[in-house]
Amino acid sequence: MDNLVLTEKEIVERVKLFLINKQNGNWHEEKTKQAETHEHGADLIMTGGSKNGERFIIECKGKSYSKSANSINKEVWLNALGQLITRMNTSRTIQNGVQKGNISRSYKYGLGLYWIGAQVALHRIPKSIAQTLNLYIFSCDDNGNIKQFTPSQFGKKYSDDEMKG
């Protein structure tokens, strides 16, 4: 796709479609809340998942095309992660029953990023932290293809080719 401009809104849309169309994903388009430009709150909140009651809260950032784009694209994930953490207002542990004290998996958190920022974030965020937060990364390449990385895939370096959908 020539001339595809990967704005934040475009990446939000690509991540949403990726999850809706994901085999066995069970994410519901009709229950999706997508923030408008400059609206407060998460960019994308989806309901569904394996238990049909899970929430996926996702913060996205578009590709920078400025003169300092290389450094911006490498570091924008920090801003997205900060915004996402401030939206983690639910208990991360199960409060009662047999699973009491275990980490709740009913809330998933995600970062939708241009692939260069996703590559840096996957290397810099420790696997144990991603697992505790139930954090995922959605990497968007220049063609708009999305590749999902699960918490167990954090804390390591990926080649450029491994990052692209």
N, C-alpha and C. Protein backbone atom coordinates (compact mmCIF):
# COMPACT_ATOMS: atom_id res chain seq x y z
N MET A 1 0.84 -1.18 0.00
CA MET A 1 0.00 0.00 0.00
C MET A 1 0.88 1.24 0.00
N ASP A 2 0.86 1.96 -1.08
CA ASP A 2 1.64 3.18 -1.16
C ASP A 2 0.90 4.31 -0.48
N ASN A 3 1.66 5.22 0.11
CA ASN A 3 1.12 6.44 0.71
C ASN A 3 0.18 6.20 1.89
N LEU A 4 0.30 5.09 2.56
CA LEU A 4 -0.51 4.84 3.75
C LEU A 4 0.06 5.68 4.89
N VAL A 5 -0.76 6.55 5.45
CA VAL A 5 -0.34 7.40 6.55
C VAL A 5 -0.81 6.73 7.84
N LEU A 6 0.14 6.33 8.65
CA LEU A 6 -0.17 5.58 9.88
C LEU A 6 -0.39 6.53 11.04
N THR A 7 -1.52 7.22 11.01
CA THR A 7 -1.91 8.08 12.13
C THR A 7 -2.33 7.21 13.30
N GLU A 8 -2.50 7.83 14.45
CA GLU A 8 -2.99 7.09 15.62
C GLU A 8 -4.34 6.46 15.31
N LYS A 9 -5.21 7.21 14.69
CA LYS A 9 -6.55 6.71 14.35
C LYS A 9 -6.46 5.49 13.42
N GLU A 10 -5.55 5.54 12.46
CA GLU A 10 -5.37 4.42 11.53
C GLU A 10 -4.87 3.18 12.26
N ILE A 11 -3.93 3.34 13.18
CA ILE A 11 -3.43 2.19 13.93
C ILE A 11 -4.51 1.63 14.85
N VAL A 12 -5.32 2.49 15.46
CA VAL A 12 -6.44 2.03 16.28
C VAL A 12 -7.37 1.15 15.43
N GLU A 13 -7.69 1.62 14.26
CA GLU A 13 -8.59 0.87 13.37
C GLU A 13 -7.98 -0.47 12.96
N ARG A 14 -6.70 -0.47 12.66
CA ARG A 14 -6.01 -1.71 12.24
C ARG A 14 -5.97 -2.73 13.38
N VAL A 15 -5.69 -2.27 14.61
CA VAL A 15 -5.65 -3.17 15.77
C VAL A 15 -7.05 -3.73 16.01
N LYS A 16 -8.07 -2.87 15.93
CA LYS A 16 -9.45 -3.32 16.15
C LYS A 16 -9.82 -4.41 15.14
N LEU A 17 -9.56 -4.18 13.87
CA LEU A 17 -9.89 -5.16 12.84
C LEU A 17 -9.09 -6.44 13.02
N PHE A 18 -7.84 -6.31 13.42
CA PHE A 18 -7.01 -7.49 13.67
C PHE A 18 -7.65 -8.37 14.75
N LEU A 19 -8.07 -7.75 15.86
CA LEU A 19 -8.66 -8.52 16.96
C LEU A 19 -10.02 -9.10 16.59
N ILE A 20 -10.84 -8.33 15.90
CA ILE A 20 -12.17 -8.82 15.50
C ILE A 20 -12.03 -10.02 14.55
N ASN A 21 -11.06 -9.96 13.67
CA ASN A 21 -10.88 -11.01 12.67
C ASN A 21 -9.97 -12.15 13.12
N LYS A 22 -9.41 -12.04 14.31
CA LYS A 22 -8.48 -13.06 14.81
C LYS A 22 -9.23 -14.37 15.06
N GLN A 23 -8.68 -15.44 14.53
CA GLN A 23 -9.30 -16.75 14.71
C GLN A 23 -9.36 -17.09 16.20
N ASN A 24 -10.52 -17.47 16.67
CA ASN A 24 -10.78 -17.81 18.08
C ASN A 24 -10.56 -16.63 19.03
N GLY A 25 -10.56 -15.41 18.50
CA GLY A 25 -10.36 -14.24 19.35
C GLY A 25 -11.61 -13.87 20.14
N ASN A 26 -12.76 -13.99 19.48
CA ASN A 26 -14.05 -13.73 20.12
C ASN A 26 -14.19 -12.29 20.63
N TRP A 27 -13.59 -11.32 19.93
CA TRP A 27 -13.75 -9.92 20.30
C TRP A 27 -14.90 -9.35 19.49
N HIS A 28 -15.79 -8.61 20.14
CA HIS A 28 -17.06 -8.20 19.53
C HIS A 28 -17.03 -6.75 19.05
N GLU A 29 -17.25 -6.56 17.76
CA GLU A 29 -17.26 -5.22 17.19
C GLU A 29 -18.37 -4.36 17.80
N GLU A 30 -19.52 -4.97 18.03
CA GLU A 30 -20.66 -4.21 18.56
C GLU A 30 -20.44 -3.76 20.01
N LYS A 31 -19.49 -4.35 20.70
CA LYS A 31 -19.19 -3.95 22.09
C LYS A 31 -17.89 -3.16 22.19
N THR A 32 -17.39 -2.71 21.05
CA THR A 32 -16.12 -1.98 21.01
C THR A 32 -16.36 -0.49 21.26
N LYS A 33 -15.52 0.09 22.12
CA LYS A 33 -15.55 1.54 22.34
C LYS A 33 -14.24 2.09 21.78
N GLN A 34 -14.39 3.00 20.84
CA GLN A 34 -13.24 3.61 20.18
C GLN A 34 -13.27 5.10 20.44
N ALA A 35 -12.21 5.61 21.06
CA ALA A 35 -12.16 7.04 21.40
C ALA A 35 -12.02 7.88 20.15
N GLU A 36 -12.63 9.05 20.19
CA GLU A 36 -12.48 10.03 19.11
C GLU A 36 -11.15 10.75 19.31
N THR A 37 -10.65 11.41 18.28
CA THR A 37 -9.41 12.17 18.38
C THR A 37 -9.51 13.17 19.53
N HIS A 38 -8.51 13.21 20.36
CA HIS A 38 -8.38 14.10 21.52
C HIS A 38 -9.39 13.82 22.63
N GLU A 39 -10.11 12.71 22.55
CA GLU A 39 -11.04 12.33 23.62
C GLU A 39 -10.25 11.67 24.75
N HIS A 40 -10.63 11.98 25.98
CA HIS A 40 -9.95 11.41 27.14
C HIS A 40 -10.30 9.93 27.27
N GLY A 41 -9.34 9.13 27.69
CA GLY A 41 -9.58 7.70 27.89
C GLY A 41 -8.80 6.87 26.90
N ALA A 42 -8.91 5.56 27.06
CA ALA A 42 -8.19 4.63 26.20
C ALA A 42 -8.65 4.77 24.75
N ASP A 43 -7.74 4.52 23.82
CA ASP A 43 -8.06 4.62 22.41
C ASP A 43 -9.04 3.54 21.97
N LEU A 44 -8.93 2.36 22.58
CA LEU A 44 -9.74 1.23 22.16
C LEU A 44 -10.03 0.35 23.36
N ILE A 45 -11.32 0.04 23.57
CA ILE A 45 -11.72 -0.90 24.61
C ILE A 45 -12.59 -1.94 23.94
N MET A 46 -12.16 -3.19 24.02
CA MET A 46 -12.90 -4.28 23.40
C MET A 46 -13.36 -5.28 24.45
N THR A 47 -14.49 -5.90 24.20
CA THR A 47 -15.05 -6.90 25.11
C THR A 47 -15.19 -8.22 24.36
N GLY A 48 -14.92 -9.30 25.07
CA GLY A 48 -15.04 -10.64 24.47
C GLY A 48 -13.99 -11.56 25.04
N GLY A 49 -13.16 -12.08 24.17
CA GLY A 49 -12.09 -12.98 24.59
C GLY A 49 -12.57 -14.38 24.87
N SER A 50 -11.71 -15.19 25.43
CA SER A 50 -12.02 -16.61 25.64
C SER A 50 -13.16 -16.84 26.61
N LYS A 51 -13.36 -15.94 27.55
CA LYS A 51 -14.44 -16.10 28.53
C LYS A 51 -15.63 -15.19 28.22
N ASN A 52 -15.56 -14.48 27.09
CA ASN A 52 -16.61 -13.59 26.62
C ASN A 52 -16.92 -12.45 27.59
N GLY A 53 -16.12 -12.29 28.63
CA GLY A 53 -16.31 -11.19 29.58
C GLY A 53 -15.01 -10.46 29.84
N GLU A 54 -14.03 -10.72 29.01
CA GLU A 54 -12.73 -10.07 29.17
C GLU A 54 -12.79 -8.68 28.54
N ARG A 55 -11.90 -7.81 29.02
CA ARG A 55 -11.76 -6.47 28.46
C ARG A 55 -10.33 -6.32 27.95
N PHE A 56 -10.21 -5.71 26.79
CA PHE A 56 -8.89 -5.39 26.23
C PHE A 56 -8.83 -3.88 26.14
N ILE A 57 -7.95 -3.26 26.89
CA ILE A 57 -7.80 -1.81 26.92
C ILE A 57 -6.48 -1.48 26.21
N ILE A 58 -6.60 -0.72 25.13
CA ILE A 58 -5.45 -0.53 24.25
C ILE A 58 -5.20 0.97 23.99
N GLU A 59 -3.94 1.34 24.14
CA GLU A 59 -3.49 2.71 23.84
C GLU A 59 -2.64 2.63 22.59
N CYS A 60 -2.90 3.48 21.62
CA CYS A 60 -2.17 3.45 20.35
C CYS A 60 -1.45 4.77 20.09
N LYS A 61 -0.40 4.69 19.32
CA LYS A 61 0.35 5.86 18.87
C LYS A 61 0.67 5.69 17.40
N GLY A 62 0.52 6.76 16.64
CA GLY A 62 0.80 6.71 15.22
C GLY A 62 2.28 6.88 14.92
N LYS A 63 2.60 6.72 13.66
CA LYS A 63 3.97 6.89 13.17
C LYS A 63 4.25 8.38 13.03
N SER A 64 5.43 8.80 13.48
CA SER A 64 5.85 10.19 13.30
C SER A 64 6.51 10.33 11.93
N TYR A 65 6.22 11.43 11.27
CA TYR A 65 6.81 11.73 9.97
C TYR A 65 7.66 13.00 10.04
N SER A 66 7.93 13.49 11.24
CA SER A 66 8.68 14.73 11.41
C SER A 66 10.17 14.53 11.12
N LYS A 67 10.93 15.62 11.17
CA LYS A 67 12.37 15.53 10.92
C LYS A 67 13.07 14.66 11.95
N SER A 68 12.54 14.63 13.18
CA SER A 68 13.13 13.79 14.23
C SER A 68 12.34 12.49 14.42
N ALA A 69 11.71 12.03 13.34
CA ALA A 69 10.83 10.86 13.40
C ALA A 69 11.51 9.62 13.95
N ASN A 70 12.77 9.40 13.60
CA ASN A 70 13.44 8.18 14.04
C ASN A 70 13.46 8.08 15.56
N SER A 71 13.87 9.14 16.23
CA SER A 71 13.91 9.09 17.69
C SER A 71 12.51 9.10 18.30
N ILE A 72 11.58 9.83 17.71
CA ILE A 72 10.20 9.85 18.21
C ILE A 72 9.59 8.47 18.10
N ASN A 73 9.74 7.82 16.95
CA ASN A 73 9.16 6.49 16.75
C ASN A 73 9.77 5.45 17.69
N LYS A 74 11.02 5.65 18.08
CA LYS A 74 11.65 4.71 19.00
C LYS A 74 11.20 4.89 20.44
N GLU A 75 10.75 6.09 20.81
CA GLU A 75 10.44 6.37 22.22
C GLU A 75 8.97 6.63 22.53
N VAL A 76 8.11 6.69 21.53
CA VAL A 76 6.70 7.02 21.76
C VAL A 76 5.99 5.99 22.65
N TRP A 77 6.52 4.78 22.70
CA TRP A 77 5.91 3.73 23.52
C TRP A 77 5.90 4.12 25.00
N LEU A 78 6.89 4.92 25.42
CA LEU A 78 6.94 5.34 26.83
C LEU A 78 5.71 6.16 27.20
N ASN A 79 5.33 7.08 26.33
CA ASN A 79 4.14 7.89 26.55
C ASN A 79 2.89 7.01 26.57
N ALA A 80 2.80 6.11 25.61
CA ALA A 80 1.64 5.21 25.53
C ALA A 80 1.53 4.33 26.78
N LEU A 81 2.66 3.81 27.23
CA LEU A 81 2.66 2.96 28.43
C LEU A 81 2.23 3.76 29.66
N GLY A 82 2.71 4.99 29.77
CA GLY A 82 2.30 5.85 30.88
C GLY A 82 0.80 6.11 30.87
N GLN A 83 0.26 6.39 29.70
CA GLN A 83 -1.19 6.61 29.59
C GLN A 83 -1.96 5.34 29.96
N LEU A 84 -1.47 4.21 29.51
CA LEU A 84 -2.14 2.94 29.80
C LEU A 84 -2.13 2.63 31.29
N ILE A 85 -1.00 2.84 31.94
CA ILE A 85 -0.89 2.55 33.37
C ILE A 85 -1.85 3.42 34.18
N THR A 86 -2.04 4.67 33.77
CA THR A 86 -2.98 5.53 34.51
C THR A 86 -4.42 5.08 34.33
N ARG A 87 -4.67 4.20 33.38
CA ARG A 87 -6.03 3.68 33.15
C ARG A 87 -6.23 2.30 33.79
N MET A 88 -5.23 1.82 34.49
CA MET A 88 -5.33 0.51 35.15
C MET A 88 -5.95 0.70 36.53
N ASN A 89 -7.25 0.94 36.53
CA ASN A 89 -7.94 1.22 37.80
C ASN A 89 -8.75 0.04 38.32
N THR A 90 -8.41 -1.15 37.88
CA THR A 90 -9.06 -2.36 38.38
C THR A 90 -8.04 -3.17 39.17
N SER A 91 -8.53 -3.96 40.08
CA SER A 91 -7.65 -4.81 40.88
C SER A 91 -6.96 -5.82 39.98
N ARG A 92 -5.68 -5.98 40.15
CA ARG A 92 -4.91 -6.93 39.33
C ARG A 92 -4.91 -8.32 39.93
N THR A 93 -5.47 -8.48 41.13
CA THR A 93 -5.50 -9.80 41.75
C THR A 93 -6.94 -10.23 42.02
N ILE A 94 -7.14 -11.52 42.00
CA ILE A 94 -8.46 -12.09 42.28
C ILE A 94 -8.71 -11.96 43.78
N GLN A 95 -9.88 -11.46 44.14
CA GLN A 95 -10.18 -11.08 45.53
C GLN A 95 -10.73 -12.21 46.39
N ASN A 96 -11.32 -13.25 45.78
CA ASN A 96 -11.87 -14.34 46.60
C ASN A 96 -11.93 -15.63 45.81
N GLY A 97 -12.30 -16.69 46.50
CA GLY A 97 -12.41 -18.00 45.87
C GLY A 97 -11.10 -18.75 45.82
N VAL A 98 -11.11 -19.85 45.11
CA VAL A 98 -9.95 -20.73 45.02
C VAL A 98 -8.72 -20.02 44.43
N GLN A 99 -8.96 -19.08 43.51
CA GLN A 99 -7.87 -18.37 42.84
C GLN A 99 -7.44 -17.09 43.56
N LYS A 100 -7.96 -16.86 44.77
CA LYS A 100 -7.66 -15.64 45.51
C LYS A 100 -6.15 -15.37 45.56
N GLY A 101 -5.78 -14.14 45.23
CA GLY A 101 -4.37 -13.74 45.25
C GLY A 101 -3.67 -13.90 43.91
N ASN A 102 -4.23 -14.71 43.00
CA ASN A 102 -3.64 -14.87 41.68
C ASN A 102 -3.94 -13.63 40.83
N ILE A 103 -3.14 -13.42 39.81
CA ILE A 103 -3.34 -12.29 38.92
C ILE A 103 -4.55 -12.55 38.03
N SER A 104 -5.45 -11.58 37.97
CA SER A 104 -6.65 -11.69 37.14
C SER A 104 -6.27 -11.50 35.68
N ARG A 105 -6.76 -12.36 34.84
CA ARG A 105 -6.51 -12.28 33.40
C ARG A 105 -7.72 -11.73 32.65
N SER A 106 -8.74 -11.28 33.38
CA SER A 106 -9.94 -10.78 32.71
C SER A 106 -9.73 -9.40 32.09
N TYR A 107 -8.70 -8.70 32.52
CA TYR A 107 -8.33 -7.43 31.90
C TYR A 107 -7.00 -7.60 31.20
N LYS A 108 -6.99 -7.29 29.90
CA LYS A 108 -5.78 -7.32 29.10
C LYS A 108 -5.47 -5.87 28.71
N TYR A 109 -4.22 -5.56 28.61
CA TYR A 109 -3.80 -4.21 28.24
C TYR A 109 -2.89 -4.30 27.03
N GLY A 110 -2.99 -3.32 26.15
CA GLY A 110 -2.20 -3.39 24.93
C GLY A 110 -1.68 -2.04 24.49
N LEU A 111 -0.59 -2.09 23.77
CA LEU A 111 0.00 -0.92 23.11
C LEU A 111 -0.01 -1.19 21.61
N GLY A 112 -0.67 -0.32 20.86
CA GLY A 112 -0.66 -0.41 19.41
C GLY A 112 0.33 0.61 18.89
N LEU A 113 1.43 0.13 18.30
CA LEU A 113 2.55 1.01 17.95
C LEU A 113 3.08 0.75 16.55
N TYR A 114 3.64 1.79 15.95
CA TYR A 114 4.41 1.60 14.73
C TYR A 114 5.56 0.64 15.08
N TRP A 115 5.94 -0.22 14.18
CA TRP A 115 6.82 -1.33 14.48
C TRP A 115 8.15 -0.94 15.13
N ILE A 116 8.69 0.23 14.81
CA ILE A 116 9.98 0.63 15.39
C ILE A 116 9.85 0.84 16.90
N GLY A 117 8.78 1.49 17.35
CA GLY A 117 8.54 1.67 18.79
C GLY A 117 8.21 0.35 19.47
N ALA A 118 7.45 -0.49 18.77
CA ALA A 118 7.10 -1.80 19.32
C ALA A 118 8.36 -2.63 19.55
N GLN A 119 9.30 -2.54 18.63
CA GLN A 119 10.56 -3.28 18.73
C GLN A 119 11.34 -2.87 19.98
N VAL A 120 11.42 -1.56 20.23
CA VAL A 120 12.13 -1.05 21.41
C VAL A 120 11.40 -1.45 22.69
N ALA A 121 10.08 -1.29 22.70
CA ALA A 121 9.29 -1.62 23.89
C ALA A 121 9.42 -3.10 24.26
N LEU A 122 9.37 -3.98 23.27
CA LEU A 122 9.49 -5.42 23.55
C LEU A 122 10.83 -5.76 24.17
N HIS A 123 11.86 -5.06 23.77
CA HIS A 123 13.19 -5.30 24.33
C HIS A 123 13.33 -4.71 25.73
N ARG A 124 12.75 -3.52 25.95
CA ARG A 124 12.97 -2.80 27.20
C ARG A 124 12.03 -3.17 28.34
N ILE A 125 10.81 -3.62 28.03
CA ILE A 125 9.86 -4.00 29.09
C ILE A 125 10.14 -5.45 29.49
N PRO A 126 10.47 -5.68 30.77
CA PRO A 126 10.77 -7.04 31.20
C PRO A 126 9.56 -7.97 31.06
N LYS A 127 9.85 -9.21 30.69
CA LYS A 127 8.81 -10.23 30.52
C LYS A 127 7.96 -10.37 31.78
N SER A 128 8.58 -10.36 32.96
CA SER A 128 7.83 -10.53 34.21
C SER A 128 6.84 -9.40 34.44
N ILE A 129 7.20 -8.18 34.05
CA ILE A 129 6.30 -7.04 34.20
C ILE A 129 5.14 -7.17 33.21
N ALA A 130 5.45 -7.53 31.97
CA ALA A 130 4.39 -7.71 30.96
C ALA A 130 3.41 -8.80 31.40
N GLN A 131 3.93 -9.86 32.01
CA GLN A 131 3.05 -10.94 32.48
C GLN A 131 2.19 -10.49 33.65
N THR A 132 2.75 -9.74 34.57
CA THR A 132 1.99 -9.23 35.71
C THR A 132 0.90 -8.28 35.25
N LEU A 133 1.21 -7.40 34.31
CA LEU A 133 0.24 -6.42 33.82
C LEU A 133 -0.69 -6.99 32.75
N ASN A 134 -0.39 -8.20 32.26
CA ASN A 134 -1.14 -8.80 31.16
C ASN A 134 -1.09 -7.87 29.94
N LEU A 135 0.13 -7.46 29.62
CA LEU A 135 0.40 -6.46 28.59
C LEU A 135 0.77 -7.11 27.25
N TYR A 136 0.15 -6.62 26.20
CA TYR A 136 0.39 -7.09 24.83
C TYR A 136 0.88 -5.92 23.99
N ILE A 137 1.58 -6.23 22.92
CA ILE A 137 1.98 -5.19 21.96
C ILE A 137 1.48 -5.59 20.58
N PHE A 138 0.91 -4.60 19.89
CA PHE A 138 0.48 -4.76 18.51
C PHE A 138 1.40 -3.91 17.66
N SER A 139 2.18 -4.56 16.81
CA SER A 139 3.15 -3.89 15.96
C SER A 139 2.54 -3.67 14.58
N CYS A 140 2.57 -2.43 14.10
CA CYS A 140 2.01 -2.08 12.80
C CYS A 140 3.14 -1.73 11.84
N ASP A 141 3.20 -2.44 10.71
CA ASP A 141 4.25 -2.15 9.73
C ASP A 141 3.77 -1.08 8.74
N ASP A 142 4.63 -0.73 7.79
CA ASP A 142 4.33 0.36 6.85
C ASP A 142 3.16 0.04 5.93
N ASN A 143 2.79 -1.22 5.80
CA ASN A 143 1.64 -1.61 4.98
C ASN A 143 0.36 -1.71 5.79
N GLY A 144 0.44 -1.43 7.10
CA GLY A 144 -0.75 -1.50 7.94
C GLY A 144 -1.03 -2.88 8.51
N ASN A 145 -0.11 -3.82 8.31
CA ASN A 145 -0.27 -5.16 8.86
C ASN A 145 0.05 -5.15 10.34
N ILE A 146 -0.73 -5.90 11.11
CA ILE A 146 -0.55 -5.98 12.56
C ILE A 146 0.02 -7.33 12.95
N LYS A 147 0.95 -7.29 13.88
CA LYS A 147 1.50 -8.51 14.48
C LYS A 147 1.37 -8.37 15.98
N GLN A 148 0.82 -9.39 16.63
CA GLN A 148 0.58 -9.35 18.08
C GLN A 148 1.70 -10.07 18.82
N PHE A 149 2.15 -9.45 19.91
CA PHE A 149 3.14 -10.04 20.80
C PHE A 149 2.51 -10.20 22.18
N THR A 150 2.59 -11.39 22.73
CA THR A 150 1.99 -11.71 24.03
C THR A 150 2.98 -11.42 25.16
N PRO A 151 2.51 -11.38 26.41
CA PRO A 151 3.41 -11.09 27.54
C PRO A 151 4.66 -11.99 27.60
N SER A 152 4.53 -13.23 27.20
CA SER A 152 5.68 -14.15 27.26
C SER A 152 6.75 -13.83 26.22
N GLN A 153 6.45 -12.95 25.27
CA GLN A 153 7.39 -12.60 24.22
C GLN A 153 8.17 -11.32 24.50
N PHE A 154 7.96 -10.72 25.66
CA PHE A 154 8.66 -9.48 26.03
C PHE A 154 10.07 -9.79 26.53
N GLY A 155 10.88 -8.74 26.65
CA GLY A 155 12.20 -8.85 27.26
C GLY A 155 13.26 -9.43 26.35
N LYS A 156 13.05 -9.35 25.05
CA LYS A 156 14.08 -9.83 24.12
C LYS A 156 14.12 -8.96 22.88
N LYS A 157 15.22 -9.07 22.14
CA LYS A 157 15.39 -8.29 20.92
C LYS A 157 14.77 -9.04 19.74
N TYR A 158 14.15 -8.27 18.85
CA TYR A 158 13.57 -8.81 17.63
C TYR A 158 14.19 -8.11 16.43
N SER A 159 14.39 -8.84 15.35
CA SER A 159 14.91 -8.23 14.13
C SER A 159 13.80 -7.41 13.48
N ASP A 160 14.19 -6.56 12.55
CA ASP A 160 13.20 -5.75 11.82
C ASP A 160 12.15 -6.64 11.15
N ASP A 161 12.59 -7.73 10.53
CA ASP A 161 11.66 -8.62 9.84
C ASP A 161 10.68 -9.30 10.80
N GLU A 162 11.13 -9.60 12.00
CA GLU A 162 10.25 -10.24 12.98
C GLU A 162 9.15 -9.31 13.47
N MET A 163 9.34 -8.02 13.32
CA MET A 163 8.38 -7.03 13.82
C MET A 163 7.25 -6.75 12.85
N LYS A 164 7.46 -7.05 11.62
CA LYS A 164 6.49 -6.67 10.59
C LYS A 164 5.51 -7.79 10.33
N GLY A 165 4.24 -7.40 10.14
CA GLY A 165 3.15 -8.36 9.90
C GLY A 165 3.37 -9.12 8.65
